[in-house]
Amino acid sequence: MDPITVIVGGAVGAVAAYVVPLWLIKSGRSPRLAAKREVSTAISNRALPPNADICSWRTRLVENRRSGARGRWAMLAAGLLMSFVALTNFADEGGSLLTWVFAGSAALLLVDAFGMHRQVKQADALLAAISAWPTGTRNSSAG
């Protein structure tokens, strides 16, 4: 397999996976992606937006947590599989460019799995913080 084809294909796929969702969110064509990004931002900031409805946010956080919990295992499995592909390619071809591309992909997948694990822990912390608030109230403590 030609390493240039793999590199160009991976680069085009990575740019498309990053740029297309951003464009859909900014243009307002995907409210679902915008809502997911809003939840991810709240989890990263470890705080709900001002005047957020606690009941609806509790549901959104639980859905995001479930998705991340499932996704981290899939990402970990993909990273381990890519590691084995890199090792097999290294045994077959030595330290070729394609071997390093596979090794880099494996490393990125494993880092992503760790990031998803961290986001699940942050979602758990945010859920624990809002669990004491009564349902149906607004987030009046956000500033």
Protein backbone atom coordinates (compact mmCIF):
# COMPACT_ATOMS: atom_id res chain seq x y z
CA MET A 1 0.00 0.00 0.00
CA ASP A 2 1.29 3.42 -0.92
CA PRO A 3 2.00 5.46 2.22
CA ILE A 4 1.15 8.74 0.48
CA THR A 5 -2.38 7.46 -0.20
CA VAL A 6 -2.82 6.55 3.45
CA ILE A 7 -1.47 9.90 4.66
CA VAL A 8 -3.56 11.99 2.25
CA GLY A 9 -6.68 9.94 2.97
CA GLY A 10 -6.17 10.27 6.72
CA ALA A 11 -5.54 14.01 6.48
CA VAL A 12 -8.63 14.60 4.34
CA GLY A 13 -10.73 12.48 6.68
CA ALA A 14 -9.43 14.27 9.77
CA VAL A 15 -10.07 17.72 8.31
CA ALA A 16 -13.55 16.70 7.17
CA ALA A 17 -14.36 15.21 10.57
CA TYR A 18 -13.36 18.48 12.26
CA VAL A 19 -14.42 21.16 9.77
CA VAL A 20 -17.79 19.82 8.61
CA PRO A 21 -19.37 19.67 12.11
CA LEU A 22 -18.05 23.16 12.90
CA TRP A 23 -19.56 24.49 9.69
CA LEU A 24 -22.89 22.78 10.44
CA ILE A 25 -22.97 24.30 13.94
CA LYS A 26 -21.96 27.81 12.85
CA SER A 27 -24.43 27.87 9.96
CA GLY A 28 -27.27 26.69 12.21
CA ARG A 29 -27.94 23.64 10.03
CA SER A 30 -27.52 21.15 12.86
CA PRO A 31 -29.16 22.08 16.14
CA ARG A 32 -28.41 18.57 17.43
CA LEU A 33 -24.66 19.10 17.02
CA ALA A 34 -24.94 22.55 18.59
CA ALA A 35 -26.74 21.03 21.59
CA LYS A 36 -24.04 18.36 21.93
CA ARG A 37 -21.34 21.02 21.79
CA GLU A 38 -23.17 23.05 24.45
CA VAL A 39 -23.18 20.02 26.76
CA SER A 40 -19.49 19.31 26.09
CA THR A 41 -18.64 22.93 26.84
CA ALA A 42 -20.58 22.80 30.11
CA ILE A 43 -18.76 19.61 31.11
CA SER A 44 -15.37 21.11 30.23
CA ASN A 45 -16.17 24.28 32.17
CA ARG A 46 -17.59 22.17 35.02
CA ALA A 47 -20.55 24.52 35.26
CA LEU A 48 -23.97 24.83 33.70
CA PRO A 49 -24.85 27.88 31.63
CA PRO A 50 -26.61 30.71 33.46
CA ASN A 51 -30.36 30.16 33.93
CA ALA A 52 -30.11 26.52 32.81
CA ASP A 53 -33.09 24.28 33.60
CA ILE A 54 -31.59 21.71 35.98
CA CYS A 55 -34.03 18.94 35.07
CA SER A 56 -33.35 19.08 31.34
CA TRP A 57 -29.62 19.46 31.90
CA ARG A 58 -29.54 16.44 34.16
CA THR A 59 -30.99 14.39 31.28
CA ARG A 60 -28.57 15.87 28.76
CA LEU A 61 -25.59 15.20 31.02
CA VAL A 62 -26.64 11.59 31.61
CA GLU A 63 -27.01 11.03 27.84
CA ASN A 64 -23.58 12.56 27.20
CA ARG A 65 -22.06 10.44 29.96
CA ARG A 66 -23.54 7.24 28.52
CA SER A 67 -22.28 8.11 25.06
CA GLY A 68 -18.80 8.84 26.38
CA ALA A 69 -18.72 5.69 28.48
CA ARG A 70 -19.53 3.56 25.44
CA GLY A 71 -17.26 5.54 23.13
CA ARG A 72 -14.18 5.33 25.32
CA TRP A 73 -14.18 1.53 25.11
CA ALA A 74 -14.65 1.60 21.35
CA MET A 75 -11.82 4.15 21.04
CA LEU A 76 -9.59 2.04 23.29
CA ALA A 77 -10.31 -1.07 21.22
CA ALA A 78 -9.58 0.82 17.99
CA GLY A 79 -6.32 2.14 19.45
CA LEU A 80 -5.21 -1.31 20.52
CA LEU A 81 -6.14 -2.77 17.14
CA MET A 82 -4.19 -0.04 15.36
CA SER A 83 -1.24 -0.76 17.68
CA PHE A 84 -1.26 -4.38 16.54
CA VAL A 85 -1.47 -3.25 12.89
CA ALA A 86 1.53 -0.98 13.46
CA LEU A 87 3.48 -3.81 15.12
CA THR A 88 2.61 -6.20 12.30
CA ASN A 89 3.63 -3.65 9.70
CA PHE A 90 6.86 -2.99 11.61
CA ALA A 91 7.65 -6.73 11.63
CA ASP A 92 6.92 -6.94 7.90
CA GLU A 93 8.41 -3.71 6.53
CA GLY A 94 10.56 -2.34 9.33
CA GLY A 95 10.46 1.36 10.19
CA SER A 96 8.72 2.51 7.03
CA LEU A 97 6.67 5.69 6.79
CA LEU A 98 3.45 3.70 6.81
CA THR A 99 4.46 1.99 10.06
CA TRP A 100 4.90 5.38 11.70
CA VAL A 101 1.55 6.55 10.33
CA PHE A 102 -0.13 3.53 11.92
CA ALA A 103 1.77 4.07 15.18
CA GLY A 104 0.74 7.73 15.23
CA SER A 105 -2.88 6.80 14.57
CA ALA A 106 -2.76 4.29 17.42
CA ALA A 107 -1.34 6.91 19.76
CA LEU A 108 -4.03 9.45 18.79
CA LEU A 109 -6.79 6.89 19.32
CA LEU A 110 -5.44 5.98 22.75
CA VAL A 111 -5.17 9.66 23.73
CA ASP A 112 -8.77 10.15 22.56
CA ALA A 113 -9.87 7.21 24.71
CA PHE A 114 -8.19 8.83 27.72
CA GLY A 115 -9.88 12.14 26.89
CA MET A 116 -13.28 10.47 26.72
CA HIS A 117 -12.62 8.79 30.07
CA ARG A 118 -11.75 12.19 31.54
CA GLN A 119 -14.93 13.72 30.11
CA VAL A 120 -17.02 10.93 31.69
CA LYS A 121 -15.40 11.67 35.07
CA GLN A 122 -16.10 15.40 34.63
CA ALA A 123 -19.72 14.66 33.70
CA ASP A 124 -20.03 12.52 36.83
CA ALA A 125 -18.67 15.39 38.94
CA LEU A 126 -21.09 17.88 37.37
CA LEU A 127 -24.00 15.47 37.86
CA ALA A 128 -23.02 15.04 41.51
CA ALA A 129 -22.84 18.80 41.94
CA ILE A 130 -26.32 19.39 40.54
CA SER A 131 -27.95 16.36 42.15
CA ALA A 132 -28.50 18.33 45.35
CA TRP A 133 -30.47 21.00 43.49
CA PRO A 134 -34.23 20.48 43.35
CA THR A 135 -35.70 19.44 40.01
CA GLY A 136 -37.43 22.04 37.88
CA THR A 137 -35.29 24.89 39.20
CA ARG A 138 -33.03 27.26 37.34
CA ASN A 139 -29.28 27.63 37.76
CA SER A 140 -29.24 30.93 39.62
CA SER A 141 -25.77 30.40 41.12
CA ALA A 142 -23.99 30.62 37.75
CA GLY A 143 -22.19 33.83 37.27
